[in-house]
C-alpha atoms as a PDB file:
ATOM      1  CA  MET A   1     141.895  76.206  72.854  1.00  0.00           C
ATOM      2  CA  ASN A   2     143.048  75.647  69.280  1.00  0.00           C
ATOM      3  CA  ILE A   3     145.497  72.757  69.509  1.00  0.00           C
ATOM      4  CA  LYS A   4     146.522  72.906  65.842  1.00  0.00           C
ATOM      5  CA  SER A   5     149.477  75.103  65.014  1.00  0.00           C
ATOM      6  CA  PRO A   6     148.223  78.608  64.225  1.00  0.00           C
ATOM      7  CA  PRO A   7     149.672  80.453  61.264  1.00  0.00           C
ATOM      8  CA  PRO A   8     153.040  81.987  62.099  1.00  0.00           C
ATOM      9  CA  ARG A   9     153.365  85.686  62.677  1.00  0.00           C
ATOM     10  CA  SER A  10     156.200  87.937  63.716  1.00  0.00           C
ATOM     11  CA  SER A  11     157.097  87.667  67.388  1.00  0.00           C
ATOM     12  CA  ALA A  12     156.314  90.627  69.629  1.00  0.00           C
ATOM     13  CA  GLU A  13     157.715  91.644  72.947  1.00  0.00           C
ATOM     14  CA  PRO A  14     156.585  89.041  75.496  1.00  0.00           C
ATOM     15  CA  ASP A  15     153.404  89.903  77.382  1.00  0.00           C
ATOM     16  CA  TRP A  16     153.968  88.977  81.033  1.00  0.00           C
ATOM     17  CA  ALA A  17     150.229  88.560  81.650  1.00  0.00           C
ATOM     18  CA  LEU A  18     150.109  85.878  78.945  1.00  0.00           C
ATOM     19  CA  LEU A  19     153.289  84.196  80.160  1.00  0.00           C
ATOM     20  CA  ARG A  20     151.902  84.073  83.709  1.00  0.00           C
ATOM     21  CA  VAL A  21     148.843  82.220  82.409  1.00  0.00           C
ATOM     22  CA  PHE A  22     151.066  79.968  80.281  1.00  0.00           C
ATOM     23  CA  LEU A  23     153.049  78.925  83.367  1.00  0.00           C
ATOM     24  CA  ALA A  24     149.882  78.281  85.352  1.00  0.00           C
ATOM     25  CA  VAL A  25     148.474  76.006  82.652  1.00  0.00           C
ATOM     26  CA  ALA A  26     151.827  74.248  82.295  1.00  0.00           C
ATOM     27  CA  GLN A  27     151.960  73.644  86.050  1.00  0.00           C
ATOM     28  CA  HIS A  28     148.415  72.306  86.442  1.00  0.00           C
ATOM     29  CA  GLY A  29     147.845  70.716  83.031  1.00  0.00           C
ATOM     30  CA  SER A  30     144.303  72.056  83.149  1.00  0.00           C
ATOM     31  CA  LEU A  31     142.648  75.318  82.160  1.00  0.00           C
ATOM     32  CA  SER A  32     140.121  75.121  85.007  1.00  0.00           C
ATOM     33  CA  ARG A  33     142.734  74.593  87.730  1.00  0.00           C
ATOM     34  CA  ALA A  34     144.991  77.259  86.232  1.00  0.00           C
ATOM     35  CA  ALA A  35     142.042  79.673  86.166  1.00  0.00           C
ATOM     36  CA  GLN A  36     141.593  79.208  89.910  1.00  0.00           C
ATOM     37  CA  GLN A  37     145.254  80.003  90.523  1.00  0.00           C
ATOM     38  CA  VAL A  38     145.254  83.238  88.530  1.00  0.00           C
ATOM     39  CA  ASP A  39     141.714  84.215  89.618  1.00  0.00           C
ATOM     40  CA  SER A  40     140.257  84.172  86.119  1.00  0.00           C
ATOM     41  CA  SER A  41     137.864  82.054  84.049  1.00  0.00           C
ATOM     42  CA  GLN A  42     138.482  79.072  81.808  1.00  0.00           C
ATOM     43  CA  PRO A  43     137.197  80.807  78.629  1.00  0.00           C
ATOM     44  CA  THR A  44     139.438  83.809  79.318  1.00  0.00           C
ATOM     45  CA  LEU A  45     142.488  81.570  79.734  1.00  0.00           C
ATOM     46  CA  SER A  46     141.632  79.710  76.544  1.00  0.00           C
ATOM     47  CA  ARG A  47     141.524  82.995  74.607  1.00  0.00           C
ATOM     48  CA  GLN A  48     144.792  84.135  76.168  1.00  0.00           C
ATOM     49  CA  MET A  49     146.555  80.900  75.258  1.00  0.00           C
ATOM     50  CA  THR A  50     145.263  81.145  71.696  1.00  0.00           C
ATOM     51  CA  LEU A  51     146.635  84.695  71.516  1.00  0.00           C
ATOM     52  CA  LEU A  52     150.009  83.611  72.901  1.00  0.00           C
ATOM     53  CA  GLU A  53     150.220  80.713  70.443  1.00  0.00           C
ATOM     54  CA  SER A  54     149.418  83.156  67.657  1.00  0.00           C
ATOM     55  CA  GLN A  55     152.256  85.411  68.785  1.00  0.00           C
ATOM     56  CA  VAL A  56     154.682  82.505  69.062  1.00  0.00           C
ATOM     57  CA  GLY A  57     153.552  80.906  65.827  1.00  0.00           C
ATOM     58  CA  ALA A  58     153.356  77.418  67.293  1.00  0.00           C
ATOM     59  CA  ALA A  59     151.053  75.317  69.439  1.00  0.00           C
ATOM     60  CA  LEU A  60     152.179  75.288  73.072  1.00  0.00           C
ATOM     61  CA  PHE A  61     149.901  72.532  74.413  1.00  0.00           C
ATOM     62  CA  GLU A  62     148.396  69.299  73.192  1.00  0.00           C
ATOM     63  CA  ARG A  63     145.436  67.472  74.681  1.00  0.00           C
ATOM     64  CA  THR A  64     145.924  64.060  76.275  1.00  0.00           C
ATOM     65  CA  GLN A  65     143.658  61.816  78.343  1.00  0.00           C
ATOM     66  CA  ARG A  66     145.275  63.277  81.455  1.00  0.00           C
ATOM     67  CA  GLY A  67     144.859  66.905  80.415  1.00  0.00           C
ATOM     68  CA  LEU A  68     147.027  69.440  78.631  1.00  0.00           C
ATOM     69  CA  ARG A  69     150.671  68.652  77.959  1.00  0.00           C
ATOM     70  CA  LEU A  70     153.371  70.966  76.705  1.00  0.00           C
ATOM     71  CA  THR A  71     154.448  70.561  73.105  1.00  0.00           C
ATOM     72  CA  GLU A  72     158.099  70.754  72.119  1.00  0.00           C
ATOM     73  CA  ALA A  73     157.679  74.496  71.552  1.00  0.00           C
ATOM     74  CA  GLY A  74     155.997  74.872  74.936  1.00  0.00           C
ATOM     75  CA  GLN A  75     158.817  73.007  76.668  1.00  0.00           C
ATOM     76  CA  ALA A  76     161.375  75.284  75.040  1.00  0.00           C
ATOM     77  CA  LEU A  77     159.580  78.427  76.229  1.00  0.00           C
ATOM     78  CA  ARG A  78     158.817  77.261  79.752  1.00  0.00           C
ATOM     79  CA  LEU A  79     162.282  77.869  81.230  1.00  0.00           C
ATOM     80  CA  PRO A  80     162.611  81.444  79.890  1.00  0.00           C
ATOM     81  CA  ALA A  81     159.101  82.183  81.198  1.00  0.00           C
ATOM     82  CA  GLN A  82     160.055  80.836  84.634  1.00  0.00           C
ATOM     83  CA  ARG A  83     163.113  83.092  84.656  1.00  0.00           C
ATOM     84  CA  MET A  84     160.908  86.071  83.877  1.00  0.00           C
ATOM     85  CA  GLN A  85     158.582  85.034  86.709  1.00  0.00           C
ATOM     86  CA  GLU A  86     161.464  84.919  89.173  1.00  0.00           C
ATOM     87  CA  GLN A  87     162.680  88.336  88.049  1.00  0.00           C
ATOM     88  CA  ALA A  88     159.167  89.761  88.326  1.00  0.00           C
ATOM     89  CA  ARG A  89     158.898  88.470  91.896  1.00  0.00           C
ATOM     90  CA  GLU A  90     162.275  89.958  92.764  1.00  0.00           C
ATOM     91  CA  TRP A  91     161.249  93.292  91.261  1.00  0.00           C
ATOM     92  CA  SER A  92     157.969  93.220  93.214  1.00  0.00           C
ATOM     93  CA  LEU A  93     159.746  92.502  96.492  1.00  0.00           C
ATOM     94  CA  LEU A  94     162.336  95.202  95.956  1.00  0.00           C
ATOM     95  CA  ALA A  95     159.698  97.736  94.907  1.00  0.00           C
ATOM     96  CA  ALA A  96     157.568  96.917  97.955  1.00  0.00           C
ATOM     97  CA  GLY A  97     160.620  97.249 100.172  1.00  0.00           C
ATOM     98  CA  ARG A  98     161.130 100.805  98.929  1.00  0.00           C
ATOM     99  CA  ALA A  99     157.600 101.923  99.822  1.00  0.00           C
ATOM    100  CA  MET A 100     158.096 104.418 102.640  1.00  0.00           C
ATOM    101  CA  SER A 101     154.478 105.452 103.206  1.00  0.00           C
ATOM    102  CA  LEU A 102     152.401 103.877 105.961  1.00  0.00           C
ATOM    103  CA  GLN A 103     149.295 104.135 103.813  1.00  0.00           C
ATOM    104  CA  GLY A 104     148.425 100.952 101.995  1.00  0.00           C
ATOM    105  CA  THR A 105     147.502  97.302 102.416  1.00  0.00           C
ATOM    106  CA  VAL A 106     149.183  94.523 104.375  1.00  0.00           C
ATOM    107  CA  ARG A 107     148.195  90.935 103.599  1.00  0.00           C
ATOM    108  CA  LEU A 108     148.332  88.536 106.534  1.00  0.00           C
ATOM    109  CA  THR A 109     147.865  84.794 106.692  1.00  0.00           C
ATOM    110  CA  ALA A 110     147.168  82.785 109.834  1.00  0.00           C
ATOM    111  CA  SER A 111     145.381  79.612 110.874  1.00  0.00           C
ATOM    112  CA  GLU A 112     141.613  79.633 111.159  1.00  0.00           C
ATOM    113  CA  MET A 113     141.644  79.627 114.971  1.00  0.00           C
ATOM    114  CA  VAL A 114     144.280  82.344 115.296  1.00  0.00           C
ATOM    115  CA  SER A 115     142.467  84.442 112.682  1.00  0.00           C
ATOM    116  CA  ALA A 116     139.087  84.134 114.374  1.00  0.00           C
ATOM    117  CA  TYR A 117     140.026  84.309 118.051  1.00  0.00           C
ATOM    118  CA  LEU A 118     143.435  85.912 118.584  1.00  0.00           C
ATOM    119  CA  LEU A 119     143.920  88.454 115.813  1.00  0.00           C
ATOM    120  CA  PRO A 120     140.776  90.627 116.101  1.00  0.00           C
ATOM    121  CA  ALA A 121     141.829  92.262 119.382  1.00  0.00           C
ATOM    122  CA  VAL A 122     145.319  93.015 118.064  1.00  0.00           C
ATOM    123  CA  LEU A 123     144.031  94.332 114.748  1.00  0.00           C
ATOM    124  CA  ARG A 124     141.409  96.483 116.457  1.00  0.00           C
ATOM    125  CA  GLY A 125     144.157  98.384 118.249  1.00  0.00           C
ATOM    126  CA  LEU A 126     146.112  98.713 115.010  1.00  0.00           C
ATOM    127  CA  ARG A 127     143.094 100.116 113.164  1.00  0.00           C
ATOM    128  CA  GLN A 128     142.483 102.635 115.922  1.00  0.00           C
ATOM    129  CA  THR A 129     146.016 103.988 115.863  1.00  0.00           C
ATOM    130  CA  HIS A 130     146.729 103.623 112.122  1.00  0.00           C
ATOM    131  CA  PRO A 131     143.486 103.781 110.093  1.00  0.00           C
ATOM    132  CA  GLU A 132     145.541 104.452 106.941  1.00  0.00           C
ATOM    133  CA  ILE A 133     146.691 100.803 106.949  1.00  0.00           C
ATOM    134  CA  GLN A 134     144.262  98.307 105.436  1.00  0.00           C
ATOM    135  CA  ILE A 135     144.441  94.626 106.351  1.00  0.00           C
ATOM    136  CA  GLU A 136     143.772  91.632 104.146  1.00  0.00           C
ATOM    137  CA  LEU A 137     143.575  88.379 106.120  1.00  0.00           C
ATOM    138  CA  LEU A 138     143.868  84.939 104.555  1.00  0.00           C
ATOM    139  CA  ALA A 139     142.533  82.505 107.161  1.00  0.00           C
ATOM    140  CA  SER A 140     144.059  79.210 106.119  1.00  0.00           C
ATOM    141  CA  ASN A 141     145.795  76.230 107.684  1.00  0.00           C
ATOM    142  CA  ALA A 142     147.852  75.788 104.525  1.00  0.00           C
ATOM    143  CA  VAL A 143     151.372  77.175 104.515  1.00  0.00           C
ATOM    144  CA  GLU A 144     151.296  80.155 102.160  1.00  0.00           C
ATOM    145  CA  ASN A 145     154.443  81.032 100.266  1.00  0.00           C
ATOM    146  CA  LEU A 146     155.744  84.403 101.431  1.00  0.00           C
ATOM    147  CA  LEU A 147     158.449  84.353  98.771  1.00  0.00           C
ATOM    148  CA  GLU A 148     155.783  84.363  96.065  1.00  0.00           C
ATOM    149  CA  ARG A 149     153.894  87.216  97.754  1.00  0.00           C
ATOM    150  CA  GLU A 150     150.860  85.085  98.596  1.00  0.00           C
ATOM    151  CA  ALA A 151     151.042  87.024 101.858  1.00  0.00           C
ATOM    152  CA  ASP A 152     153.270  89.712 103.345  1.00  0.00           C
ATOM    153  CA  ILE A 153     153.285  88.398 106.918  1.00  0.00           C
ATOM    154  CA  ALA A 154     152.463  84.923 108.195  1.00  0.00           C
ATOM    155  CA  LEU A 155     151.532  83.533 111.604  1.00  0.00           C
ATOM    156  CA  ARG A 156     152.178  79.820 111.768  1.00  0.00           C
ATOM    157  CA  MET A 157     152.311  76.968 114.264  1.00  0.00           C
ATOM    158  CA  LYS A 158     155.698  75.770 113.077  1.00  0.00           C
ATOM    159  CA  ARG A 159     158.976  77.460 112.298  1.00  0.00           C
ATOM    160  CA  PRO A 160     159.265  78.640 108.680  1.00  0.00           C
ATOM    161  CA  THR A 161     162.139  76.972 106.878  1.00  0.00           C
ATOM    162  CA  GLN A 162     162.240  78.953 103.627  1.00  0.00           C
ATOM    163  CA  SER A 163     165.412  80.883 103.009  1.00  0.00           C
ATOM    164  CA  GLY A 164     164.924  84.598 102.543  1.00  0.00           C
ATOM    165  CA  LEU A 165     162.516  84.881 105.472  1.00  0.00           C
ATOM    166  CA  ILE A 166     162.935  86.352 108.903  1.00  0.00           C
ATOM    167  CA  ALA A 167     161.016  84.629 111.673  1.00  0.00           C
ATOM    168  CA  ARG A 168     160.360  85.316 115.321  1.00  0.00           C
ATOM    169  CA  LYS A 169     158.911  82.879 117.824  1.00  0.00           C
ATOM    170  CA  LEU A 170     156.217  84.706 119.773  1.00  0.00           C
ATOM    171  CA  ALA A 171     154.909  82.148 122.238  1.00  0.00           C
ATOM    172  CA  ASP A 172     154.141  78.559 123.098  1.00  0.00           C
ATOM    173  CA  LEU A 173     150.349  78.331 123.147  1.00  0.00           C
ATOM    174  CA  PRO A 174     149.140  75.688 125.647  1.00  0.00           C
ATOM    175  CA  LEU A 175     146.313  73.306 124.783  1.00  0.00           C
ATOM    176  CA  GLY A 176     143.583  71.850 126.960  1.00  0.00           C
ATOM    177  CA  LEU A 177     140.635  69.461 126.741  1.00  0.00           C
ATOM    178  CA  TYR A 178     137.235  71.126 127.018  1.00  0.00           C
ATOM    179  CA  ALA A 179     133.540  70.348 127.059  1.00  0.00           C
ATOM    180  CA  HIS A 180     130.409  72.452 127.461  1.00  0.00           C
ATOM    181  CA  ARG A 181     129.239  72.635 131.056  1.00  0.00           C
ATOM    182  CA  ASP A 182     125.834  71.203 130.055  1.00  0.00           C
ATOM    183  CA  TYR A 183     127.610  68.174 128.547  1.00  0.00           C
ATOM    184  CA  VAL A 184     129.558  67.628 131.782  1.00  0.00           C
ATOM    185  CA  ALA A 185     126.385  68.028 133.847  1.00  0.00           C
ATOM    186  CA  ALA A 186     124.620  65.407 131.729  1.00  0.00           C
ATOM    187  CA  ARG A 187     127.461  62.933 131.188  1.00  0.00           C
ATOM    188  CA  GLY A 188     129.629  63.483 134.246  1.00  0.00           C
ATOM    189  CA  GLN A 189     133.284  64.445 134.624  1.00  0.00           C
ATOM    190  CA  PRO A 190     135.370  62.325 132.257  1.00  0.00           C
ATOM    191  CA  SER A 191     138.458  60.491 133.489  1.00  0.00           C
ATOM    192  CA  VAL A 192     141.173  58.529 131.773  1.00  0.00           C
ATOM    193  CA  ALA A 193     139.335  55.338 132.752  1.00  0.00           C
ATOM    194  CA  THR A 194     136.032  56.545 131.242  1.00  0.00           C
ATOM    195  CA  MET A 195     137.337  58.366 128.147  1.00  0.00           C
ATOM    196  CA  GLU A 196     135.879  55.840 125.719  1.00  0.00           C
ATOM    197  CA  ARG A 197     132.391  56.293 127.151  1.00  0.00           C
ATOM    198  CA  HIS A 198     132.300  59.945 126.157  1.00  0.00           C
ATOM    199  CA  ASP A 199     131.663  61.726 122.899  1.00  0.00           C
ATOM    200  CA  TRP A 200     134.686  63.330 121.294  1.00  0.00           C
ATOM    201  CA  VAL A 201     135.117  65.973 118.622  1.00  0.00           C
ATOM    202  CA  GLY A 202     137.955  65.263 116.193  1.00  0.00           C
ATOM    203  CA  HIS A 203     139.184  65.534 112.619  1.00  0.00           C
ATOM    204  CA  ASP A 204     137.718  63.809 109.597  1.00  0.00           C
ATOM    205  CA  ARG A 205     140.466  63.155 107.038  1.00  0.00           C
ATOM    206  CA  SER A 206     143.384  64.646 108.926  1.00  0.00           C
ATOM    207  CA  ASP A 207     145.257  62.217 111.182  1.00  0.00           C
ATOM    208  CA  GLN A 208     146.737  65.001 113.323  1.00  0.00           C
ATOM    209  CA  MET A 209     144.620  64.228 116.399  1.00  0.00           C
ATOM    210  CA  LEU A 210     145.086  60.489 116.004  1.00  0.00           C
ATOM    211  CA  ARG A 211     148.846  60.982 116.055  1.00  0.00           C
ATOM    212  CA  GLY A 212     148.536  63.304 119.032  1.00  0.00           C
ATOM    213  CA  PHE A 213     146.513  60.818 121.057  1.00  0.00           C
ATOM    214  CA  ARG A 214     148.893  57.997 120.221  1.00  0.00           C
ATOM    215  CA  ALA A 215     151.883  60.126 121.181  1.00  0.00           C
ATOM    216  CA  ALA A 216     150.194  60.653 124.553  1.00  0.00           C
ATOM    217  CA  GLY A 217     149.818  56.892 124.977  1.00  0.00           C
ATOM    218  CA  PHE A 218     146.192  56.465 123.862  1.00  0.00           C
ATOM    219  CA  GLU A 219     145.667  54.129 120.910  1.00  0.00           C
ATOM    220  CA  VAL A 220     142.468  55.428 119.339  1.00  0.00           C
ATOM    221  CA  THR A 221     140.941  55.062 115.890  1.00  0.00           C
ATOM    222  CA  ARG A 222     138.980  57.477 113.752  1.00  0.00           C
ATOM    223  CA  GLU A 223     135.741  56.014 115.125  1.00  0.00           C
ATOM    224  CA  PHE A 224     136.747  57.177 118.615  1.00  0.00           C
ATOM    225  CA  PHE A 225     135.513  60.644 117.587  1.00  0.00           C
ATOM    226  CA  ALA A 226     131.721  60.818 117.443  1.00  0.00           C
ATOM    227  CA  PHE A 227     131.828  64.129 115.548  1.00  0.00           C
ATOM    228  CA  ARG A 228     134.504  64.671 112.901  1.00  0.00           C
ATOM    229  CA  CYS A 229     135.337  67.767 110.868  1.00  0.00           C
ATOM    230  CA  ASP A 230     138.636  69.036 109.458  1.00  0.00           C
ATOM    231  CA  ASN A 231     137.549  72.671 109.651  1.00  0.00           C
ATOM    232  CA  GLN A 232     138.937  73.846 112.979  1.00  0.00           C
ATOM    233  CA  LEU A 233     136.339  76.570 113.454  1.00  0.00           C
ATOM    234  CA  VAL A 234     133.465  74.158 112.893  1.00  0.00           C
ATOM    235  CA  ALA A 235     135.012  71.567 115.207  1.00  0.00           C
ATOM    236  CA  TRP A 236     135.453  74.187 117.922  1.00  0.00           C
ATOM    237  CA  GLN A 237     131.866  75.344 117.480  1.00  0.00           C
ATOM    238  CA  ALA A 238     130.827  71.717 117.948  1.00  0.00           C
ATOM    239  CA  VAL A 239     132.561  71.720 121.343  1.00  0.00           C
ATOM    240  CA  LEU A 240     130.891  75.028 122.202  1.00  0.00           C
ATOM    241  CA  GLY A 241     127.580  73.504 121.135  1.00  0.00           C
ATOM    242  CA  GLY A 242     127.922  70.579 123.535  1.00  0.00           C
ATOM    243  CA  LEU A 243     128.576  67.806 121.005  1.00  0.00           C
ATOM    244  CA  GLY A 244     131.481  66.410 122.983  1.00  0.00           C
ATOM    245  CA  ILE A 245     135.004  66.856 124.307  1.00  0.00           C
ATOM    246  CA  GLY A 246     137.549  68.599 122.130  1.00  0.00           C
ATOM    247  CA  ILE A 247     141.025  70.086 122.136  1.00  0.00           C
ATOM    248  CA  GLY A 248     141.452  73.841 122.116  1.00  0.00           C
ATOM    249  CA  LEU A 249     143.885  76.621 122.874  1.00  0.00           C
ATOM    250  CA  ILE A 250     143.585  77.588 126.529  1.00  0.00           C
ATOM    251  CA  GLN A 251     143.747  81.249 125.483  1.00  0.00           C
ATOM    252  CA  VAL A 252     140.757  80.732 123.174  1.00  0.00           C
ATOM    253  CA  ALA A 253     138.744  78.625 125.612  1.00  0.00           C
ATOM    254  CA  ALA A 254     139.086  81.363 128.228  1.00  0.00           C
ATOM    255  CA  GLN A 255     136.869  83.540 126.024  1.00  0.00           C
ATOM    256  CA  SER A 256     133.862  81.275 126.706  1.00  0.00           C
ATOM    257  CA  HIS A 257     132.411  80.918 130.197  1.00  0.00           C
ATOM    258  CA  GLU A 258     130.319  77.987 129.003  1.00  0.00           C
ATOM    259  CA  LEU A 259     133.300  75.668 128.715  1.00  0.00           C
ATOM    260  CA  VAL A 260     134.763  73.422 131.404  1.00  0.00           C
ATOM    261  CA  ARG A 261     138.319  72.179 131.253  1.00  0.00           C
ATOM    262  CA  VAL A 262     138.417  68.400 131.703  1.00  0.00           C
ATOM    263  CA  LEU A 263     141.024  65.645 131.940  1.00  0.00           C
ATOM    264  CA  ARG A 264     143.732  67.943 133.234  1.00  0.00           C
ATOM    265  CA  GLU A 265     145.832  64.881 133.985  1.00  0.00           C
ATOM    266  CA  VAL A 266     146.290  64.297 130.239  1.00  0.00           C
ATOM    267  CA  LYS A 267     149.403  66.203 129.232  1.00  0.00           C
ATOM    268  CA  LEU A 268     149.129  67.983 125.918  1.00  0.00           C
ATOM    269  CA  PRO A 269     151.934  69.700 124.003  1.00  0.00           C
ATOM    270  CA  SER A 270     151.945  73.431 123.397  1.00  0.00           C
ATOM    271  CA  LEU A 271     151.763  74.902 119.911  1.00  0.00           C
ATOM    272  CA  PRO A 272     154.588  77.252 118.945  1.00  0.00           C
ATOM    273  CA  LEU A 273     153.453  80.511 117.370  1.00  0.00           C
ATOM    274  CA  TRP A 274     155.848  81.953 114.782  1.00  0.00           C
ATOM    275  CA  LEU A 275     155.726  85.293 113.004  1.00  0.00           C
ATOM    276  CA  ALA A 276     157.442  85.510 109.613  1.00  0.00           C
ATOM    277  CA  ALA A 277     157.975  87.983 106.781  1.00  0.00           C
ATOM    278  CA  HIS A 278     160.261  88.301 103.784  1.00  0.00           C
ATOM    279  CA  ARG A 279     163.416  90.154 104.807  1.00  0.00           C
ATOM    280  CA  GLU A 280     163.033  92.587 101.890  1.00  0.00           C
ATOM    281  CA  LEU A 281     159.636  93.642 103.197  1.00  0.00           C
ATOM    282  CA  ARG A 282     160.751  93.876 106.816  1.00  0.00           C
ATOM    283  CA  GLY A 283     162.375  97.234 106.018  1.00  0.00           C
ATOM    284  CA  THR A 284     159.127  98.752 104.755  1.00  0.00           C
ATOM    285  CA  PRO A 285     157.661 101.050 107.453  1.00  0.00           C
ATOM    286  CA  ARG A 286     154.094  99.777 106.922  1.00  0.00           C
ATOM    287  CA  LEU A 287     155.144  96.130 107.099  1.00  0.00           C
ATOM    288  CA  LYS A 288     157.484  96.748 110.008  1.00  0.00           C
ATOM    289  CA  LEU A 289     154.733  98.487 111.968  1.00  0.00           C
ATOM    290  CA  VAL A 290     152.275  95.617 111.470  1.00  0.00           C
ATOM    291  CA  PHE A 291     154.989  93.023 112.149  1.00  0.00           C
ATOM    292  CA  ASP A 292     155.944  94.712 115.431  1.00  0.00           C
ATOM    293  CA  THR A 293     152.302  95.224 116.421  1.00  0.00           C
ATOM    294  CA  LEU A 294     151.559  91.541 115.964  1.00  0.00           C
ATOM    295  CA  ALA A 295     154.701  90.557 117.857  1.00  0.00           C
ATOM    296  CA  ALA A 296     153.765  92.777 120.820  1.00  0.00           C
ATOM    297  CA  GLY A 297     150.065  91.900 120.794  1.00  0.00           C
ATOM    298  CA  LEU A 298     150.439  88.129 120.551  1.00  0.00           C
ATOM    299  CA  ALA A 299     153.431  87.665 122.850  1.00  0.00           C
ATOM    300  CA  PRO A 300     152.617  86.350 126.348  1.00  0.00           C
ATOM    301  CA  PRO A 301     152.187  89.020 129.039  1.00  0.00           C
END
């Protein structure tokens, strides 16, 4: 990017595509990280910023040891650009809420385990009855922002707190401790007294399981888990592969006849399953149909 002030030229009507990139670079202070956000490349963003600076007639960023920093001109333009972004999001939501046709795409987001093990059966029925609806699924344990249209509908293990959303609690999903039957045959049935003698599957960097064990009265450290991985699907496959004892949704474990439930005396909390959508989109027939289908398909019998 040309950091020196380009020659001034007459201002044109603002190009939203360029302003969107400008805000991404301003937020991240890096062309590479901004490129990931807007699904583009670093050279493309550099050219776009040069074009925007040419239109404005002033440099918008300056390089520092920590990355790109807004110049005085960039700071002055950031707030108006943010206002345009908010208005564009509002327009998008309102326009989507007016779409009366069932044909189109619905973007869902759910955790890795829910995406892999609970959603396919529900979505199979939806595809059979409504093939005109296409589904995009973002399998992620991060909390996507429905207000910014990162997804239309979200399934999460905690209640959404953002204003402007409607949310429905579908179920409390019980957890259990499981091991492969070959592991139990080789190592014996674990008990509370022998827990430390067994191999456990846990998280790597996340302290979620550590906090869970301590809440249940078991003071364990990271080294308690012989196999550690933060990816829930990989950790669950490790349990299925006989690497040790792990925690899983009872509803998911029931899909494998190779697993044995162990340590039933250890009380584990249930995970709440919430369904959420933006209230503007809830009135769209396509979104409403998928929302209601998920609610019916994932609710307890």
